[in-house]
Protein backbone atom coordinates (compact mmCIF):
# COMPACT_ATOMS: atom_id res chain seq x y z
CA MET A 1 21.30 -72.89 -14.31
CA LYS A 2 18.60 -70.77 -12.65
CA ASP A 3 18.69 -72.92 -9.52
CA LEU A 4 22.47 -72.57 -9.30
CA VAL A 5 22.27 -68.80 -9.72
CA SER A 6 19.67 -68.62 -6.98
CA ALA A 7 21.84 -70.80 -4.74
CA ALA A 8 24.88 -68.62 -5.41
CA LEU A 9 22.99 -65.41 -4.60
CA THR A 10 21.56 -66.94 -1.43
CA ALA A 11 24.96 -68.14 -0.25
CA ALA A 12 26.53 -64.77 -1.02
CA LYS A 13 23.85 -62.91 0.92
CA GLU A 14 24.13 -65.23 3.93
CA ARG A 15 27.93 -64.89 4.02
CA GLY A 16 28.00 -61.17 3.24
CA GLN A 17 30.33 -61.73 0.28
CA ASP A 18 30.40 -61.21 -3.45
CA VAL A 19 29.31 -64.27 -5.41
CA ALA A 20 32.83 -64.64 -6.83
CA ASP A 21 34.22 -64.90 -3.28
CA VAL A 22 31.81 -67.62 -2.11
CA PRO A 23 33.46 -71.08 -2.16
CA LEU A 24 31.92 -73.59 -4.54
CA THR A 25 31.31 -75.92 -1.59
CA ALA A 26 29.00 -73.29 -0.04
CA ILE A 27 27.16 -72.76 -3.34
CA ALA A 28 26.82 -76.53 -3.80
CA ALA A 29 25.39 -76.86 -0.29
CA ALA A 30 22.88 -74.07 -0.96
CA ALA A 31 21.87 -75.84 -4.19
CA GLY A 32 21.56 -79.22 -2.42
CA VAL A 33 24.20 -80.90 -4.59
CA SER A 34 27.77 -82.05 -4.13
CA ARG A 35 30.69 -79.92 -5.20
CA SER A 36 31.63 -82.42 -7.90
CA THR A 37 28.07 -82.35 -9.25
CA LEU A 38 28.11 -78.56 -9.26
CA LEU A 39 31.38 -78.47 -11.18
CA ARG A 40 30.10 -81.04 -13.65
CA ARG A 41 27.00 -78.95 -14.34
CA LEU A 42 29.17 -75.87 -14.80
CA GLY A 43 31.51 -77.63 -17.22
CA GLY A 44 34.44 -77.70 -14.83
CA SER A 45 34.71 -73.91 -14.22
CA ARG A 46 32.78 -71.38 -12.18
CA ALA A 47 33.02 -68.83 -15.01
CA PRO A 48 29.62 -69.84 -16.50
CA LEU A 49 28.03 -69.32 -13.09
CA ASP A 50 29.55 -65.86 -12.70
CA GLU A 51 28.36 -64.95 -16.19
CA ALA A 52 24.84 -66.22 -15.45
CA VAL A 53 24.78 -64.12 -12.27
CA ARG A 54 25.95 -61.10 -14.27
CA ARG A 55 23.10 -61.55 -16.76
CA THR A 56 20.63 -61.10 -13.91
CA GLY A 57 22.02 -57.60 -13.34
CA VAL A 58 24.13 -58.56 -10.32
CA ASP A 59 27.88 -58.07 -10.41
CA PRO A 60 29.43 -61.31 -9.12
CA GLY A 61 32.48 -59.38 -7.89
CA GLY A 62 35.97 -60.76 -7.74
CA ARG A 63 37.12 -57.89 -9.98
CA PRO A 64 37.49 -54.13 -9.63
CA PRO A 65 34.14 -52.47 -8.83
CA VAL A 66 31.74 -51.67 -11.65
CA ARG A 67 32.47 -47.95 -11.25
CA GLU A 68 36.20 -48.39 -11.86
CA ARG A 69 35.74 -50.77 -14.79
CA ALA A 70 33.09 -48.59 -16.42
CA ILE A 71 35.14 -45.38 -16.15
CA ALA A 72 38.20 -47.07 -17.66
CA ALA A 73 36.11 -48.67 -20.41
CA ALA A 74 34.34 -45.40 -21.25
CA ALA A 75 37.64 -43.50 -21.31
CA HIS A 76 39.15 -45.86 -23.88
CA LEU A 77 35.97 -45.75 -25.95
CA VAL A 78 36.04 -41.93 -25.94
CA ALA A 79 39.65 -41.99 -27.15
CA GLU A 80 38.82 -44.53 -29.87
CA ARG A 81 35.45 -43.27 -31.09
CA GLY A 82 34.92 -39.78 -29.74
CA LEU A 83 32.15 -38.83 -27.34
CA GLY A 84 29.43 -39.37 -29.93
CA GLY A 85 30.43 -43.01 -30.33
CA VAL A 86 30.14 -43.90 -26.65
CA THR A 87 26.95 -45.65 -25.64
CA LEU A 88 26.07 -47.32 -22.36
CA ASP A 89 25.67 -50.58 -24.26
CA ALA A 90 29.24 -50.31 -25.54
CA VAL A 91 30.55 -49.43 -22.08
CA ALA A 92 28.68 -52.32 -20.46
CA ASP A 93 30.10 -54.70 -23.04
CA ARG A 94 33.67 -53.41 -22.63
CA ALA A 95 33.46 -53.31 -18.83
CA GLU A 96 31.65 -56.67 -18.62
CA CYS A 97 28.85 -55.31 -16.50
CA SER A 98 25.11 -54.89 -16.89
CA LEU A 99 23.21 -51.84 -18.11
CA PRO A 100 21.17 -51.64 -14.89
CA SER A 101 24.38 -51.47 -12.86
CA LEU A 102 25.62 -48.51 -14.98
CA HIS A 103 22.36 -46.66 -14.46
CA THR A 104 22.52 -47.37 -10.73
CA VAL A 105 26.12 -46.20 -10.33
CA PHE A 106 26.16 -43.21 -12.70
CA GLU A 107 22.48 -42.30 -13.22
CA GLY A 108 22.92 -42.36 -16.98
CA ARG A 109 25.42 -41.54 -19.72
CA ASP A 110 26.07 -37.94 -18.67
CA GLY A 111 26.97 -39.05 -15.17
CA LEU A 112 29.40 -41.63 -16.54
CA LEU A 113 31.06 -39.11 -18.89
CA ALA A 114 31.37 -36.58 -16.07
CA ALA A 115 33.14 -39.23 -13.99
CA VAL A 116 35.50 -39.94 -16.90
CA PHE A 117 36.40 -36.24 -17.17
CA LEU A 118 36.86 -36.03 -13.41
CA GLN A 119 39.35 -38.91 -13.40
CA TYR A 120 41.24 -38.29 -16.63
CA GLY A 121 41.01 -34.51 -16.90
CA PRO A 122 43.23 -31.93 -15.21
CA LEU A 123 41.26 -31.66 -11.97
CA PRO A 124 43.17 -34.19 -9.77
CA ASP A 125 46.57 -32.64 -10.60
CA LEU A 126 45.13 -29.13 -10.36
CA GLN A 127 43.77 -29.81 -6.88
CA ALA A 128 47.11 -31.28 -5.80
CA LEU A 129 48.90 -28.18 -7.10
CA ALA A 130 46.44 -25.86 -5.35
CA ALA A 131 47.00 -27.72 -2.07
CA ASP A 132 50.75 -26.99 -2.23
CA PRO A 133 51.22 -24.03 -4.59
CA PRO A 134 54.60 -22.65 -5.67
CA GLU A 135 55.56 -19.36 -4.09
CA ARG A 136 56.60 -17.52 -7.25
CA LEU A 137 54.12 -16.53 -9.94
CA GLU A 138 56.48 -17.70 -12.69
CA ASP A 139 56.65 -21.18 -11.15
CA THR A 140 52.87 -21.26 -10.73
CA VAL A 141 52.30 -20.45 -14.41
CA ARG A 142 54.76 -23.11 -15.57
CA ALA A 143 53.28 -25.69 -13.21
CA LEU A 144 49.79 -24.95 -14.53
CA HIS A 145 51.01 -25.31 -18.10
CA ARG A 146 52.54 -28.70 -17.25
CA THR A 147 49.31 -29.77 -15.55
CA PHE A 148 47.16 -28.95 -18.55
CA LEU A 149 49.69 -30.40 -20.99
CA ALA A 150 49.59 -33.70 -19.12
CA SER A 151 45.80 -33.84 -19.34
CA LEU A 152 45.98 -33.14 -23.08
CA ALA A 153 48.70 -35.69 -23.82
CA ASN A 154 47.99 -38.53 -21.39
CA GLU A 155 46.52 -41.79 -22.66
CA PRO A 156 43.70 -42.43 -23.15
CA ARG A 157 43.41 -39.05 -24.87
CA ILE A 158 40.18 -37.79 -23.33
CA ILE A 159 40.61 -34.03 -23.39
CA PRO A 160 41.24 -33.67 -27.15
CA ALA A 161 38.08 -35.72 -27.76
CA VAL A 162 36.16 -33.50 -25.35
CA PHE A 163 37.19 -30.32 -27.16
CA ALA A 164 36.49 -31.86 -30.57
CA ASP A 165 32.94 -32.56 -29.45
CA LEU A 166 32.61 -29.19 -27.75
CA PHE A 167 33.60 -27.27 -30.88
CA GLY A 168 31.28 -29.35 -33.02
CA ARG A 169 28.31 -29.45 -30.66
CA PRO A 170 28.29 -26.62 -28.10
CA ASP A 171 25.20 -28.13 -26.46
CA GLY A 172 26.41 -31.74 -26.65
CA PRO A 173 27.76 -34.18 -24.04
CA ALA A 174 31.16 -32.45 -23.82
CA ALA A 175 29.50 -29.22 -22.71
CA ARG A 176 27.55 -31.07 -20.03
CA MET A 177 30.66 -33.01 -19.01
CA MET A 178 32.68 -29.82 -18.54
CA ALA A 179 29.81 -28.00 -16.83
CA ALA A 180 29.67 -30.74 -14.20
CA ASN A 181 33.37 -30.31 -13.37
CA MET A 182 34.02 -26.64 -14.22
CA PRO A 183 33.17 -25.22 -10.76
CA GLN A 184 35.94 -27.33 -9.20
CA ILE A 185 38.42 -26.42 -11.94
CA VAL A 186 37.67 -22.70 -11.58
CA ASP A 187 38.00 -23.01 -7.81
CA GLY A 188 41.42 -24.64 -8.14
CA LEU A 189 42.63 -22.01 -10.61
CA GLY A 190 41.28 -19.23 -8.39
CA ARG A 191 43.20 -20.58 -5.40
CA LEU A 192 46.39 -20.47 -7.47
CA LEU A 193 45.98 -17.14 -9.29
CA LEU A 194 43.93 -14.88 -7.04
CA PRO A 195 46.54 -14.66 -4.24
CA HIS A 196 48.91 -13.17 -6.84
CA VAL A 197 46.19 -10.67 -7.82
CA GLU A 198 45.80 -9.70 -4.16
CA ALA A 199 49.58 -9.37 -3.81
CA GLY A 200 49.70 -7.01 -6.82
CA ARG A 201 51.65 -9.37 -9.07
CA ILE A 202 48.73 -9.79 -11.49
CA ARG A 203 46.38 -7.10 -12.75
CA PRO A 204 42.87 -7.46 -11.26
CA LEU A 205 41.34 -8.96 -14.39
CA PRO A 206 38.24 -11.18 -14.14
CA LEU A 207 39.23 -14.75 -13.29
CA PRO A 208 37.74 -16.20 -16.52
CA VAL A 209 39.94 -13.83 -18.53
CA LEU A 210 43.03 -14.79 -16.53
CA VAL A 211 42.24 -18.46 -17.15
CA GLN A 212 41.63 -18.03 -20.88
CA LEU A 213 44.88 -16.09 -21.29
CA LEU A 214 46.66 -18.89 -19.47
CA ILE A 215 45.15 -21.92 -21.18
CA GLY A 216 43.97 -20.67 -24.58
CA PRO A 217 47.33 -20.37 -26.37
CA LEU A 218 48.58 -23.65 -24.88
CA LEU A 219 45.42 -25.50 -25.84
CA SER A 220 45.43 -24.13 -29.38
CA HIS A 221 49.10 -25.00 -29.86
CA VAL A 222 48.87 -28.56 -28.58
CA LEU A 223 45.71 -29.39 -30.53
CA VAL A 224 47.07 -27.97 -33.79
CA ARG A 225 50.69 -29.11 -33.35
CA PRO A 226 50.18 -32.56 -34.99
CA VAL A 227 49.10 -30.72 -38.16
CA LEU A 228 51.93 -28.16 -38.00
CA GLU A 229 54.80 -30.59 -37.39
CA PRO A 230 54.87 -32.21 -40.87
CA VAL A 231 54.37 -28.81 -42.52
CA LEU A 232 56.86 -26.66 -40.58
CA GLY A 233 59.35 -29.35 -39.58
CA ASP A 234 62.38 -27.83 -37.83
CA GLY A 235 60.78 -24.40 -38.09
CA LEU A 236 58.35 -25.35 -35.31
CA PRO A 237 59.77 -24.72 -31.81
CA SER A 238 59.94 -27.68 -29.48
CA LEU A 239 57.22 -28.12 -26.87
CA ASP A 240 59.57 -26.95 -24.12
CA GLU A 241 60.51 -23.84 -26.09
CA SER A 242 56.87 -23.14 -26.90
CA PHE A 243 55.89 -23.37 -23.24
CA GLU A 244 58.58 -20.88 -22.32
CA PHE A 245 57.20 -18.49 -24.94
CA PHE A 246 53.65 -18.95 -23.62
CA ALA A 247 54.71 -18.52 -19.99
CA ASP A 248 56.64 -15.35 -20.80
CA ALA A 249 53.75 -13.96 -22.86
CA TYR A 250 51.28 -14.67 -20.04
CA LEU A 251 53.44 -13.02 -17.41
CA ARG A 252 53.80 -9.92 -19.59
CA ALA A 253 50.07 -9.84 -20.39
CA VAL A 254 48.94 -9.93 -16.76
CA ALA A 255 51.75 -7.88 -15.23
CA PRO A 256 50.45 -4.77 -13.45
CA SER A 257 53.34 -2.76 -14.93
CA GLY A 258 51.97 -3.34 -18.44
CA PRO A 259 52.81 -5.63 -21.32
CA ASP A 260 55.96 -3.74 -22.40
CA GLN A 261 57.84 -4.14 -19.14
CA GLU A 262 59.41 -7.10 -17.44
CA ALA A 263 56.99 -9.36 -15.55
CA PRO A 264 57.68 -9.61 -11.81
């Protein structure tokens, strides 16, 4: 098989293609055998050849790039096992790629987890919202709540696993994952909230405080809700009702007129 792998890599390099995209006739020619002989040695399918190429640390291609497969695989592993249960070996096995390719693409486990948070966390929707923000403060607050709810509820459930690890290990991988993406999240939130501060609709509180007031109650409610539902039953407000309560409370808390008056 080594000679066939070498022939496949040579043919791929000469043609500027992934191994999976090189016709078997070209690989057979590079190996100095006929196509029928090549197929016979492979057992009738090129799958063994692609797998042998993969074992050398080279992605044969013909599938989504290693980066995409690894991020998706790691995300599902995080949802299934938590951050502590995700190893590069497990990701490589699930994504059907090699360990060297993961190290090359992500520079280690922290880089991979940061990429998972970037793709499955709130940042993409937050950036889209910041690029076209609502005019009214009330609509901005509700849109932000919806954005963060989606990141908490979407499958695979990455964000709950991140917070579970963060609360249990403040110096663990979740902390490093969030630290890698937090500057962009804070920037997006600042672009949405600070214009309302400048316009006098929000008291000039520090941005971290404005963000915690906005997200903290929502986060606490959503994470604890699965425990409260069987206990409180119909006594627990619906999610939509709860969000209205949180939005109203936030607007009153940050209103320059004070918490006892109507928010603008």
